[in-house]
N, C-alpha and C. Protein backbone atom coordinates (compact mmCIF):
# COMPACT_ATOMS: atom_id res chain seq x y z
N MET A 1 116.37 68.81 -141.37
CA MET A 1 117.26 67.66 -141.50
C MET A 1 118.36 67.98 -142.49
N GLU A 2 119.59 67.70 -142.17
CA GLU A 2 120.70 68.03 -143.05
C GLU A 2 120.71 67.11 -144.25
N GLN A 3 120.88 67.72 -145.45
CA GLN A 3 120.88 66.95 -146.68
C GLN A 3 122.20 66.22 -146.84
N ASN A 4 122.12 64.97 -147.27
CA ASN A 4 123.33 64.19 -147.55
C ASN A 4 124.13 64.85 -148.64
N ALA A 5 125.44 64.95 -148.42
CA ALA A 5 126.30 65.65 -149.38
C ALA A 5 126.30 64.99 -150.74
N PHE A 6 125.95 63.68 -150.79
CA PHE A 6 125.98 62.96 -152.05
C PHE A 6 124.60 62.80 -152.66
N SER A 7 123.57 63.31 -152.01
CA SER A 7 122.22 63.18 -152.55
C SER A 7 122.02 64.13 -153.72
N GLN A 8 121.13 63.74 -154.62
CA GLN A 8 120.83 64.55 -155.79
C GLN A 8 119.57 65.37 -155.54
N PRO A 9 119.52 66.60 -156.02
CA PRO A 9 118.30 67.40 -155.85
C PRO A 9 117.14 66.76 -156.60
N ASP A 10 115.93 66.93 -156.09
CA ASP A 10 114.75 66.30 -156.66
C ASP A 10 114.35 66.97 -157.97
N ILE A 11 113.85 66.15 -158.88
CA ILE A 11 113.23 66.63 -160.11
C ILE A 11 111.73 66.57 -159.91
N ARG A 12 111.03 67.62 -160.27
CA ARG A 12 109.58 67.62 -160.13
C ARG A 12 108.94 68.19 -161.38
N SER A 13 107.67 67.87 -161.57
CA SER A 13 106.93 68.41 -162.70
C SER A 13 106.74 69.91 -162.52
N ALA A 14 106.82 70.64 -163.59
CA ALA A 14 106.65 72.09 -163.56
C ALA A 14 105.18 72.43 -163.79
N SER A 15 104.67 73.35 -163.00
CA SER A 15 103.30 73.82 -163.16
C SER A 15 103.33 75.24 -163.72
N MET A 16 102.16 75.78 -163.99
CA MET A 16 102.08 77.15 -164.49
C MET A 16 102.69 78.13 -163.48
N GLY A 17 102.61 77.79 -162.21
CA GLY A 17 103.20 78.64 -161.19
C GLY A 17 104.72 78.68 -161.22
N ASP A 18 105.31 77.75 -161.95
CA ASP A 18 106.77 77.71 -162.07
C ASP A 18 107.27 78.45 -163.31
N ALA A 19 106.37 79.08 -164.06
CA ALA A 19 106.75 79.68 -165.35
C ALA A 19 107.87 80.70 -165.21
N ASP A 20 107.80 81.53 -164.18
CA ASP A 20 108.84 82.56 -164.00
C ASP A 20 110.20 81.92 -163.75
N GLN A 21 110.24 80.91 -162.90
CA GLN A 21 111.50 80.24 -162.60
C GLN A 21 112.04 79.52 -163.84
N VAL A 22 111.17 78.83 -164.55
CA VAL A 22 111.58 78.14 -165.78
C VAL A 22 112.16 79.14 -166.77
N ALA A 23 111.50 80.28 -166.94
CA ALA A 23 111.98 81.30 -167.87
C ALA A 23 113.35 81.85 -167.45
N ASP A 24 113.53 82.08 -166.16
CA ASP A 24 114.81 82.58 -165.66
C ASP A 24 115.94 81.60 -165.96
N ILE A 25 115.69 80.32 -165.69
CA ILE A 25 116.73 79.30 -165.89
C ILE A 25 117.08 79.18 -167.37
N LEU A 26 116.05 79.07 -168.22
CA LEU A 26 116.30 78.88 -169.64
C LEU A 26 116.93 80.12 -170.28
N ALA A 27 116.51 81.30 -169.85
CA ALA A 27 117.10 82.53 -170.40
C ALA A 27 118.59 82.60 -170.09
N GLU A 28 118.96 82.24 -168.86
CA GLU A 28 120.38 82.24 -168.50
C GLU A 28 121.14 81.18 -169.29
N ALA A 29 120.55 79.98 -169.37
CA ALA A 29 121.24 78.87 -170.03
C ALA A 29 121.45 79.13 -171.52
N PHE A 30 120.53 79.85 -172.15
CA PHE A 30 120.60 80.08 -173.59
C PHE A 30 121.22 81.43 -173.96
N SER A 31 121.71 82.18 -172.97
CA SER A 31 122.22 83.53 -173.27
C SER A 31 123.44 83.51 -174.18
N HIS A 32 124.20 82.41 -174.19
CA HIS A 32 125.36 82.28 -175.06
C HIS A 32 125.18 81.16 -176.09
N ASP A 33 123.95 80.71 -176.27
CA ASP A 33 123.67 79.69 -177.26
C ASP A 33 123.92 80.26 -178.67
N PRO A 34 124.66 79.54 -179.53
CA PRO A 34 125.02 80.10 -180.84
C PRO A 34 123.83 80.55 -181.68
N VAL A 35 122.77 79.75 -181.73
CA VAL A 35 121.62 80.12 -182.55
C VAL A 35 120.87 81.31 -181.94
N MET A 36 120.71 81.33 -180.64
CA MET A 36 120.05 82.46 -179.99
C MET A 36 120.84 83.75 -180.18
N VAL A 37 122.15 83.67 -180.03
CA VAL A 37 122.99 84.86 -180.22
C VAL A 37 122.88 85.35 -181.66
N TRP A 38 122.85 84.42 -182.62
CA TRP A 38 122.70 84.80 -184.02
C TRP A 38 121.35 85.47 -184.27
N MET A 39 120.30 84.91 -183.70
CA MET A 39 118.96 85.46 -183.92
C MET A 39 118.84 86.88 -183.37
N TYR A 40 119.29 87.07 -182.12
CA TYR A 40 119.07 88.35 -181.46
C TYR A 40 120.24 89.32 -181.61
N GLY A 41 121.39 88.81 -182.03
CA GLY A 41 122.54 89.70 -182.24
C GLY A 41 123.25 90.08 -180.97
N ASN A 42 122.95 89.41 -179.86
CA ASN A 42 123.60 89.73 -178.59
C ASN A 42 123.38 88.58 -177.62
N THR A 43 123.97 88.70 -176.44
CA THR A 43 123.86 87.64 -175.42
C THR A 43 122.90 88.03 -174.29
N HIS A 44 122.07 89.03 -174.53
CA HIS A 44 121.11 89.44 -173.50
C HIS A 44 120.11 88.31 -173.25
N PRO A 45 119.93 87.87 -172.01
CA PRO A 45 118.99 86.77 -171.73
C PRO A 45 117.57 87.10 -172.19
N GLN A 46 116.99 86.23 -172.98
CA GLN A 46 115.67 86.46 -173.55
C GLN A 46 114.58 85.89 -172.64
N ARG A 47 114.46 86.49 -171.46
CA ARG A 47 113.53 85.96 -170.47
C ARG A 47 112.08 86.05 -170.93
N THR A 48 111.70 87.19 -171.54
CA THR A 48 110.32 87.36 -171.98
C THR A 48 109.92 86.30 -172.98
N THR A 49 110.83 85.99 -173.90
CA THR A 49 110.54 84.97 -174.91
C THR A 49 110.23 83.63 -174.26
N PHE A 50 111.09 83.18 -173.35
CA PHE A 50 110.87 81.89 -172.70
C PHE A 50 109.64 81.91 -171.80
N LEU A 51 109.36 83.03 -171.15
CA LEU A 51 108.19 83.12 -170.28
C LEU A 51 106.90 82.99 -171.09
N GLU A 52 106.83 83.72 -172.19
CA GLU A 52 105.62 83.67 -173.00
C GLU A 52 105.40 82.29 -173.60
N ILE A 53 106.46 81.68 -174.09
CA ILE A 53 106.34 80.35 -174.70
C ILE A 53 105.98 79.32 -173.64
N ALA A 54 106.58 79.42 -172.46
CA ALA A 54 106.25 78.48 -171.38
C ALA A 54 104.79 78.61 -170.97
N GLN A 55 104.33 79.84 -170.75
CA GLN A 55 102.96 80.05 -170.27
C GLN A 55 101.91 79.73 -171.33
N SER A 56 102.18 80.13 -172.56
CA SER A 56 101.17 80.02 -173.60
C SER A 56 101.13 78.65 -174.27
N VAL A 57 102.27 77.94 -174.25
CA VAL A 57 102.32 76.68 -174.99
C VAL A 57 102.67 75.49 -174.10
N TYR A 58 103.89 75.44 -173.60
CA TYR A 58 104.40 74.19 -173.04
C TYR A 58 103.86 73.85 -171.67
N LEU A 59 103.67 74.82 -170.79
CA LEU A 59 103.09 74.50 -169.49
C LEU A 59 101.57 74.48 -169.54
N ARG A 60 101.01 74.89 -170.65
CA ARG A 60 99.55 74.86 -170.82
C ARG A 60 99.10 73.60 -171.56
N HIS A 61 99.82 73.24 -172.61
CA HIS A 61 99.42 72.10 -173.43
C HIS A 61 100.39 70.93 -173.37
N GLY A 62 101.61 71.18 -172.92
CA GLY A 62 102.61 70.13 -172.82
C GLY A 62 102.97 69.88 -171.37
N PHE A 63 104.27 69.73 -171.10
CA PHE A 63 104.71 69.51 -169.73
C PHE A 63 106.16 69.95 -169.59
N GLY A 64 106.60 70.07 -168.35
CA GLY A 64 107.98 70.46 -168.09
C GLY A 64 108.45 69.89 -166.77
N HIS A 65 109.75 70.03 -166.52
CA HIS A 65 110.35 69.60 -165.26
C HIS A 65 111.31 70.68 -164.78
N VAL A 66 111.48 70.73 -163.47
CA VAL A 66 112.45 71.64 -162.87
C VAL A 66 113.24 70.90 -161.80
N VAL A 67 114.48 71.31 -161.62
CA VAL A 67 115.33 70.81 -160.54
C VAL A 67 115.69 72.02 -159.68
N GLU A 68 114.99 72.16 -158.55
CA GLU A 68 115.20 73.31 -157.66
C GLU A 68 115.26 74.58 -158.51
N ASP A 69 116.26 75.44 -158.29
CA ASP A 69 116.42 76.64 -159.11
C ASP A 69 117.64 76.46 -160.01
N SER A 70 117.83 75.23 -160.51
CA SER A 70 119.07 74.91 -161.21
C SER A 70 118.88 74.48 -162.66
N ALA A 71 117.81 73.77 -162.99
CA ALA A 71 117.63 73.24 -164.33
C ALA A 71 116.14 73.18 -164.66
N ALA A 72 115.85 73.27 -165.96
CA ALA A 72 114.46 73.23 -166.41
C ALA A 72 114.40 72.64 -167.82
N ALA A 73 113.27 72.03 -168.13
CA ALA A 73 113.05 71.47 -169.47
C ALA A 73 111.58 71.62 -169.82
N LEU A 74 111.30 71.85 -171.10
CA LEU A 74 109.93 71.98 -171.60
C LEU A 74 109.72 71.01 -172.76
N TRP A 75 108.60 70.30 -172.72
CA TRP A 75 108.29 69.27 -173.71
C TRP A 75 106.88 69.45 -174.27
N MET A 76 106.68 68.87 -175.47
CA MET A 76 105.34 68.69 -176.02
C MET A 76 105.18 67.21 -176.33
N PRO A 77 104.14 66.56 -175.79
CA PRO A 77 103.96 65.13 -176.06
C PRO A 77 103.49 64.86 -177.48
N ALA A 78 103.58 63.60 -177.87
CA ALA A 78 103.12 63.21 -179.20
C ALA A 78 101.62 63.45 -179.34
N HIS A 79 101.18 63.71 -180.56
CA HIS A 79 99.77 63.90 -180.91
C HIS A 79 99.18 65.19 -180.35
N VAL A 80 100.01 66.07 -179.82
CA VAL A 80 99.51 67.35 -179.33
C VAL A 80 100.12 68.47 -180.17
N LYS A 81 99.28 69.26 -180.79
CA LYS A 81 99.74 70.40 -181.57
C LYS A 81 99.16 71.65 -180.93
N ALA A 82 100.03 72.56 -180.54
CA ALA A 82 99.57 73.77 -179.86
C ALA A 82 100.39 74.96 -180.33
N LYS A 83 99.74 76.09 -180.44
CA LYS A 83 100.42 77.32 -180.83
C LYS A 83 100.21 78.37 -179.74
N SER A 84 101.13 79.30 -179.69
CA SER A 84 101.00 80.38 -178.71
C SER A 84 99.87 81.31 -179.10
N SER A 85 99.39 82.05 -178.12
CA SER A 85 98.31 83.00 -178.37
C SER A 85 98.83 84.22 -179.12
N LEU A 86 97.90 84.95 -179.72
CA LEU A 86 98.28 86.16 -180.47
C LEU A 86 98.97 87.17 -179.56
N MET A 87 98.42 87.38 -178.36
CA MET A 87 99.03 88.36 -177.45
C MET A 87 100.43 87.91 -177.04
N SER A 88 100.60 86.62 -176.82
CA SER A 88 101.92 86.10 -176.46
C SER A 88 102.89 86.31 -177.61
N ASP A 89 102.45 86.04 -178.84
CA ASP A 89 103.31 86.26 -180.01
C ASP A 89 103.72 87.72 -180.12
N LEU A 90 102.79 88.62 -179.88
CA LEU A 90 103.09 90.04 -179.99
C LEU A 90 104.12 90.48 -178.94
N ARG A 91 104.01 89.91 -177.73
CA ARG A 91 104.98 90.26 -176.69
C ARG A 91 106.37 89.73 -177.04
N VAL A 92 106.44 88.53 -177.64
CA VAL A 92 107.72 87.98 -178.06
C VAL A 92 108.32 88.82 -179.18
N LEU A 93 107.49 89.23 -180.13
CA LEU A 93 107.97 90.05 -181.24
C LEU A 93 108.49 91.40 -180.73
N TRP A 94 107.77 91.98 -179.79
CA TRP A 94 108.20 93.27 -179.23
C TRP A 94 109.53 93.12 -178.50
N CYS A 95 109.69 92.03 -177.79
CA CYS A 95 110.95 91.75 -177.09
C CYS A 95 112.09 91.61 -178.09
N ALA A 96 111.85 90.88 -179.19
CA ALA A 96 112.88 90.70 -180.21
C ALA A 96 113.24 92.03 -180.85
N LEU A 97 112.24 92.86 -181.12
CA LEU A 97 112.49 94.16 -181.73
C LEU A 97 113.33 95.04 -180.82
N GLN A 98 113.00 95.06 -179.54
CA GLN A 98 113.77 95.85 -178.59
C GLN A 98 115.19 95.34 -178.43
N SER A 99 115.34 94.02 -178.49
CA SER A 99 116.65 93.41 -178.25
C SER A 99 117.57 93.50 -179.45
N GLY A 100 117.03 93.21 -180.64
CA GLY A 100 117.91 93.12 -181.81
C GLY A 100 117.41 93.82 -183.05
N GLY A 101 116.36 94.62 -182.92
CA GLY A 101 115.86 95.37 -184.06
C GLY A 101 115.13 94.50 -185.07
N PHE A 102 114.90 95.06 -186.26
CA PHE A 102 114.16 94.34 -187.29
C PHE A 102 114.91 93.11 -187.79
N GLY A 103 116.23 93.13 -187.70
CA GLY A 103 117.02 91.96 -188.08
C GLY A 103 116.68 90.76 -187.21
N ALA A 104 116.50 91.01 -185.92
CA ALA A 104 116.14 89.93 -185.00
C ALA A 104 114.76 89.38 -185.32
N LEU A 105 113.83 90.27 -185.68
CA LEU A 105 112.49 89.83 -186.06
C LEU A 105 112.55 88.90 -187.27
N GLN A 106 113.31 89.31 -188.27
CA GLN A 106 113.41 88.51 -189.49
C GLN A 106 114.08 87.16 -189.22
N ARG A 107 115.20 87.18 -188.49
CA ARG A 107 115.91 85.93 -188.22
C ARG A 107 115.06 84.99 -187.35
N GLY A 108 114.35 85.57 -186.39
CA GLY A 108 113.50 84.75 -185.54
C GLY A 108 112.37 84.11 -186.32
N TRP A 109 111.76 84.87 -187.23
CA TRP A 109 110.66 84.34 -188.03
C TRP A 109 111.16 83.21 -188.93
N VAL A 110 112.30 83.43 -189.59
CA VAL A 110 112.87 82.39 -190.46
C VAL A 110 113.18 81.13 -189.66
N THR A 111 113.79 81.29 -188.50
CA THR A 111 114.14 80.13 -187.67
C THR A 111 112.90 79.36 -187.25
N ASP A 112 111.87 80.07 -186.85
CA ASP A 112 110.63 79.42 -186.43
C ASP A 112 110.01 78.63 -187.59
N GLN A 113 110.00 79.22 -188.78
CA GLN A 113 109.43 78.53 -189.94
C GLN A 113 110.22 77.28 -190.30
N VAL A 114 111.55 77.39 -190.26
CA VAL A 114 112.40 76.25 -190.57
C VAL A 114 112.20 75.13 -189.55
N MET A 115 112.13 75.48 -188.28
CA MET A 115 111.94 74.47 -187.24
C MET A 115 110.60 73.76 -187.40
N GLN A 116 109.55 74.51 -187.65
CA GLN A 116 108.23 73.89 -187.80
C GLN A 116 108.21 72.94 -189.00
N ALA A 117 108.84 73.34 -190.11
CA ALA A 117 108.82 72.53 -191.32
C ALA A 117 109.69 71.29 -191.21
N SER A 118 110.63 71.28 -190.25
CA SER A 118 111.60 70.19 -190.15
C SER A 118 111.21 69.11 -189.16
N HIS A 119 110.11 69.29 -188.45
CA HIS A 119 109.69 68.25 -187.49
C HIS A 119 109.38 66.95 -188.23
N PRO A 120 109.80 65.83 -187.67
CA PRO A 120 109.47 64.53 -188.29
C PRO A 120 107.96 64.34 -188.39
N GLU A 121 107.54 63.62 -189.44
CA GLU A 121 106.11 63.34 -189.60
C GLU A 121 105.62 62.32 -188.58
N THR A 122 106.52 61.44 -188.14
CA THR A 122 106.16 60.44 -187.14
C THR A 122 105.77 61.12 -185.83
N PRO A 123 104.65 60.76 -185.20
CA PRO A 123 104.30 61.34 -183.90
C PRO A 123 105.46 61.17 -182.91
N HIS A 124 105.80 62.23 -182.20
CA HIS A 124 106.98 62.19 -181.34
C HIS A 124 106.83 63.15 -180.17
N PHE A 125 107.59 62.89 -179.12
CA PHE A 125 107.74 63.83 -178.01
C PHE A 125 108.80 64.84 -178.42
N TYR A 126 108.49 66.12 -178.23
CA TYR A 126 109.39 67.19 -178.67
C TYR A 126 110.00 67.90 -177.47
N LEU A 127 111.32 67.84 -177.36
CA LEU A 127 112.03 68.57 -176.32
C LEU A 127 112.33 69.97 -176.86
N PHE A 128 111.51 70.93 -176.47
CA PHE A 128 111.67 72.29 -176.96
C PHE A 128 112.92 72.95 -176.41
N ALA A 129 113.14 72.82 -175.12
CA ALA A 129 114.30 73.47 -174.50
C ALA A 129 114.66 72.79 -173.20
N VAL A 130 115.95 72.71 -172.94
CA VAL A 130 116.46 72.25 -171.65
C VAL A 130 117.66 73.12 -171.30
N GLY A 131 117.75 73.53 -170.05
CA GLY A 131 118.86 74.40 -169.66
C GLY A 131 119.24 74.22 -168.21
N VAL A 132 120.51 74.49 -167.94
CA VAL A 132 121.06 74.41 -166.58
C VAL A 132 121.77 75.73 -166.29
N ARG A 133 121.57 76.26 -165.10
CA ARG A 133 122.26 77.50 -164.74
C ARG A 133 123.78 77.30 -164.79
N GLU A 134 124.48 78.38 -165.10
CA GLU A 134 125.93 78.32 -165.30
C GLU A 134 126.64 77.69 -164.10
N LYS A 135 126.28 78.10 -162.90
CA LYS A 135 126.99 77.63 -161.70
C LYS A 135 126.72 76.15 -161.40
N MET A 136 125.70 75.58 -162.06
CA MET A 136 125.34 74.18 -161.80
C MET A 136 125.72 73.24 -162.93
N LYS A 137 126.36 73.75 -163.95
CA LYS A 137 126.74 72.90 -165.08
C LYS A 137 127.84 71.93 -164.65
N GLY A 138 127.87 70.78 -165.32
CA GLY A 138 128.86 69.76 -165.03
C GLY A 138 128.50 68.83 -163.88
N LYS A 139 127.27 68.95 -163.38
CA LYS A 139 126.84 68.11 -162.25
C LYS A 139 125.85 67.02 -162.68
N GLY A 140 125.64 66.88 -163.98
CA GLY A 140 124.76 65.84 -164.47
C GLY A 140 123.28 66.19 -164.47
N LEU A 141 122.93 67.45 -164.19
CA LEU A 141 121.52 67.82 -164.10
C LEU A 141 120.84 67.78 -165.47
N GLY A 142 121.57 68.16 -166.52
CA GLY A 142 120.97 68.15 -167.85
C GLY A 142 120.50 66.76 -168.25
N GLY A 143 121.36 65.77 -168.06
CA GLY A 143 120.99 64.41 -168.40
C GLY A 143 119.84 63.89 -167.54
N ARG A 144 119.87 64.20 -166.26
CA ARG A 144 118.82 63.72 -165.35
C ARG A 144 117.46 64.29 -165.73
N ILE A 145 117.41 65.57 -166.04
CA ILE A 145 116.11 66.18 -166.30
C ILE A 145 115.57 65.75 -167.66
N ILE A 146 116.45 65.51 -168.62
CA ILE A 146 116.00 65.01 -169.92
C ILE A 146 115.44 63.60 -169.79
N ARG A 147 116.07 62.79 -168.96
CA ARG A 147 115.60 61.41 -168.78
C ARG A 147 114.17 61.35 -168.23
N GLU A 148 113.78 62.35 -167.47
CA GLU A 148 112.41 62.38 -166.96
C GLU A 148 111.41 62.45 -168.11
N GLY A 149 111.69 63.28 -169.09
CA GLY A 149 110.82 63.37 -170.25
C GLY A 149 110.91 62.15 -171.13
N LEU A 150 112.12 61.60 -171.27
CA LEU A 150 112.29 60.41 -172.10
C LEU A 150 111.54 59.21 -171.52
N ALA A 151 111.45 59.15 -170.21
CA ALA A 151 110.70 58.05 -169.58
C ALA A 151 109.23 58.11 -169.98
N LEU A 152 108.69 59.32 -170.09
CA LEU A 152 107.30 59.46 -170.52
C LEU A 152 107.14 59.10 -171.99
N ALA A 153 108.13 59.47 -172.80
CA ALA A 153 108.08 59.10 -174.22
C ALA A 153 108.13 57.59 -174.37
N ASP A 154 109.01 56.95 -173.61
CA ASP A 154 109.11 55.49 -173.67
C ASP A 154 107.81 54.82 -173.23
N ALA A 155 107.19 55.35 -172.18
CA ALA A 155 105.94 54.79 -171.69
C ALA A 155 104.84 54.89 -172.74
N ALA A 156 104.92 55.94 -173.57
CA ALA A 156 103.93 56.13 -174.63
C ALA A 156 104.34 55.40 -175.91
N GLY A 157 105.54 54.80 -175.92
CA GLY A 157 106.02 54.11 -177.10
C GLY A 157 106.34 55.04 -178.25
N ALA A 158 106.74 56.27 -177.92
CA ALA A 158 106.98 57.29 -178.94
C ALA A 158 108.44 57.70 -178.99
N PRO A 159 108.95 58.05 -180.15
CA PRO A 159 110.31 58.59 -180.24
C PRO A 159 110.35 60.01 -179.69
N ALA A 160 111.56 60.51 -179.52
CA ALA A 160 111.75 61.88 -179.04
C ALA A 160 112.59 62.64 -180.06
N TYR A 161 112.31 63.93 -180.18
CA TYR A 161 112.99 64.78 -181.16
C TYR A 161 113.38 66.09 -180.51
N LEU A 162 114.52 66.64 -180.93
CA LEU A 162 114.96 67.95 -180.48
C LEU A 162 115.77 68.63 -181.57
N GLU A 163 115.93 69.95 -181.43
CA GLU A 163 116.86 70.70 -182.26
C GLU A 163 118.05 71.08 -181.41
N ASN A 164 119.22 70.65 -181.79
CA ASN A 164 120.44 70.93 -181.05
C ASN A 164 121.07 72.20 -181.60
N SER A 165 121.04 73.26 -180.81
CA SER A 165 121.56 74.55 -181.26
C SER A 165 122.96 74.84 -180.75
N ASN A 166 123.56 73.89 -180.04
CA ASN A 166 124.90 74.10 -179.49
C ASN A 166 125.71 72.81 -179.59
N PRO A 167 126.77 72.78 -180.41
CA PRO A 167 127.56 71.55 -180.57
C PRO A 167 128.11 70.99 -179.26
N LYS A 168 128.27 71.84 -178.25
CA LYS A 168 128.78 71.36 -176.96
C LYS A 168 127.84 70.32 -176.33
N ASN A 169 126.56 70.37 -176.73
CA ASN A 169 125.58 69.46 -176.13
C ASN A 169 125.45 68.14 -176.87
N THR A 170 126.10 68.02 -178.03
CA THR A 170 125.95 66.82 -178.84
C THR A 170 126.33 65.54 -178.09
N PRO A 171 127.46 65.48 -177.39
CA PRO A 171 127.80 64.24 -176.68
C PRO A 171 126.73 63.82 -175.66
N LEU A 172 126.15 64.77 -174.95
CA LEU A 172 125.10 64.45 -173.99
C LEU A 172 123.91 63.82 -174.69
N TYR A 173 123.45 64.44 -175.76
CA TYR A 173 122.30 63.91 -176.47
C TYR A 173 122.59 62.52 -177.04
N GLN A 174 123.80 62.33 -177.52
CA GLN A 174 124.16 61.02 -178.06
C GLN A 174 124.15 59.96 -176.96
N ARG A 175 124.63 60.30 -175.78
CA ARG A 175 124.61 59.34 -174.67
C ARG A 175 123.19 58.95 -174.29
N LEU A 176 122.25 59.85 -174.52
CA LEU A 176 120.85 59.59 -174.19
C LEU A 176 120.12 58.87 -175.32
N GLY A 177 120.82 58.56 -176.39
CA GLY A 177 120.22 57.79 -177.47
C GLY A 177 119.80 58.57 -178.69
N PHE A 178 120.02 59.89 -178.70
CA PHE A 178 119.65 60.70 -179.86
C PHE A 178 120.68 60.52 -180.98
N LYS A 179 120.18 60.49 -182.20
CA LYS A 179 121.04 60.40 -183.38
C LYS A 179 120.77 61.59 -184.28
N ALA A 180 121.83 62.11 -184.88
CA ALA A 180 121.72 63.31 -185.70
C ALA A 180 120.96 63.04 -186.99
N LEU A 181 120.09 63.96 -187.35
CA LEU A 181 119.44 63.99 -188.65
C LEU A 181 120.15 65.06 -189.48
N ALA A 182 119.57 65.47 -190.56
CA ALA A 182 120.19 66.51 -191.39
C ALA A 182 120.11 67.86 -190.68
N PRO A 183 121.12 68.72 -190.85
CA PRO A 183 121.02 70.08 -190.30
C PRO A 183 119.82 70.81 -190.90
N LEU A 184 119.20 71.65 -190.09
CA LEU A 184 118.06 72.42 -190.56
C LEU A 184 118.54 73.54 -191.48
N GLY A 185 117.70 73.91 -192.41
CA GLY A 185 118.12 74.85 -193.46
C GLY A 185 118.03 76.31 -193.07
N LEU A 186 118.83 76.73 -192.11
CA LEU A 186 118.89 78.15 -191.76
C LEU A 186 119.67 78.91 -192.84
N PRO A 187 119.53 80.23 -192.91
CA PRO A 187 120.22 81.01 -193.94
C PRO A 187 121.73 80.89 -193.85
N ALA A 188 122.41 81.21 -194.94
CA ALA A 188 123.87 81.19 -194.97
C ALA A 188 124.42 82.12 -193.89
N GLY A 189 125.44 81.64 -193.19
CA GLY A 189 126.05 82.42 -192.13
C GLY A 189 125.49 82.13 -190.76
N ALA A 190 124.38 81.41 -190.69
CA ALA A 190 123.79 81.05 -189.39
C ALA A 190 124.53 79.86 -188.80
N PRO A 191 124.55 79.73 -187.49
CA PRO A 191 125.13 78.53 -186.87
C PRO A 191 124.33 77.29 -187.25
N THR A 192 124.91 76.14 -187.06
CA THR A 192 124.22 74.89 -187.37
C THR A 192 123.14 74.60 -186.34
N LEU A 193 121.97 74.28 -186.82
CA LEU A 193 120.86 73.83 -185.98
C LEU A 193 120.56 72.40 -186.43
N LEU A 194 120.83 71.45 -185.56
CA LEU A 194 120.83 70.05 -185.93
C LEU A 194 119.63 69.31 -185.34
N GLY A 195 118.81 68.74 -186.19
CA GLY A 195 117.74 67.89 -185.72
C GLY A 195 118.30 66.58 -185.21
N MET A 196 117.77 66.09 -184.08
CA MET A 196 118.22 64.82 -183.51
C MET A 196 117.01 64.02 -183.06
N MET A 197 117.04 62.72 -183.32
CA MET A 197 115.90 61.84 -183.03
C MET A 197 116.37 60.67 -182.16
N ARG A 198 115.51 60.25 -181.28
CA ARG A 198 115.79 59.10 -180.41
C ARG A 198 114.61 58.14 -180.46
N PRO A 199 114.84 56.89 -180.82
CA PRO A 199 113.73 55.94 -180.87
C PRO A 199 113.20 55.64 -179.48
N ALA A 200 111.97 55.18 -179.41
CA ALA A 200 111.38 54.81 -178.13
C ALA A 200 112.15 53.66 -177.50
N GLU A 201 112.27 53.71 -176.17
CA GLU A 201 112.88 52.65 -175.36
C GLU A 201 114.37 52.49 -175.60
N ALA A 202 115.03 53.52 -176.16
CA ALA A 202 116.47 53.42 -176.37
C ALA A 202 117.22 53.38 -175.06
N MET A 203 116.61 53.87 -173.98
CA MET A 203 117.27 53.91 -172.68
C MET A 203 117.18 52.56 -171.96
N GLN A 204 116.33 51.65 -172.42
CA GLN A 204 116.06 50.43 -171.67
C GLN A 204 116.92 49.28 -172.19
C-alpha cells in the first residue's frame, strides 16, 4: 500500500535487537557534537561507544525509541540506577584510545565523572542521548521521539533531565519544556555542557 506523502513514520520501542541500528544513528548524529569532538579530538563516529552503552545499560535496564532508520533515543527511568559491565567499559576505553589516544581517555573519564555528579537528586527520567540522521534533520523527528519518552515520565509523575552538549538543540529542548540549569563543570577550554530539567506534565 502506498504511504501517504504527509504521513509521519512510526515511532516504536527499541529492543536489544535494535542496538546496532540505534548505535549507527547516534554515532552519525553525534559525530560533530561539540562535546564529543572535544572528548575524542576528531569527528570520527563513535559507534562502538554507543553500541556498548546501549547494549549494556539503556536497552537492558532502561528503554529507547527508534523511528525507522532515521532517529533514536535512549532513556533511563526514575529510580533505576544501572552501570555498564566491566567488559563493555573496557571496549569503550579501547575505542577511545584508538580514536583519540590517552587524551581522549582522560577527557572521557572527566566528562563521565562530572555528568554523574551533576544529576539532580530528585528521582527523574534521564534522556541519555537522542539523535537524527543528517539527511532527516529538520523534519521534526527529534521532537517527536523525545515526546515519547516524556509521555512515560509524565505518566510516572517524574521530571526529566538531560545534558545538552550542542547549543543548536537548546530551542528544541525549551519548546519541550526543559529549562537550563547551571553548566556542568568541565575543564577550561571544553565546550559548554548544560544540564536541563523539565517538570512532570509540562507538556499537558
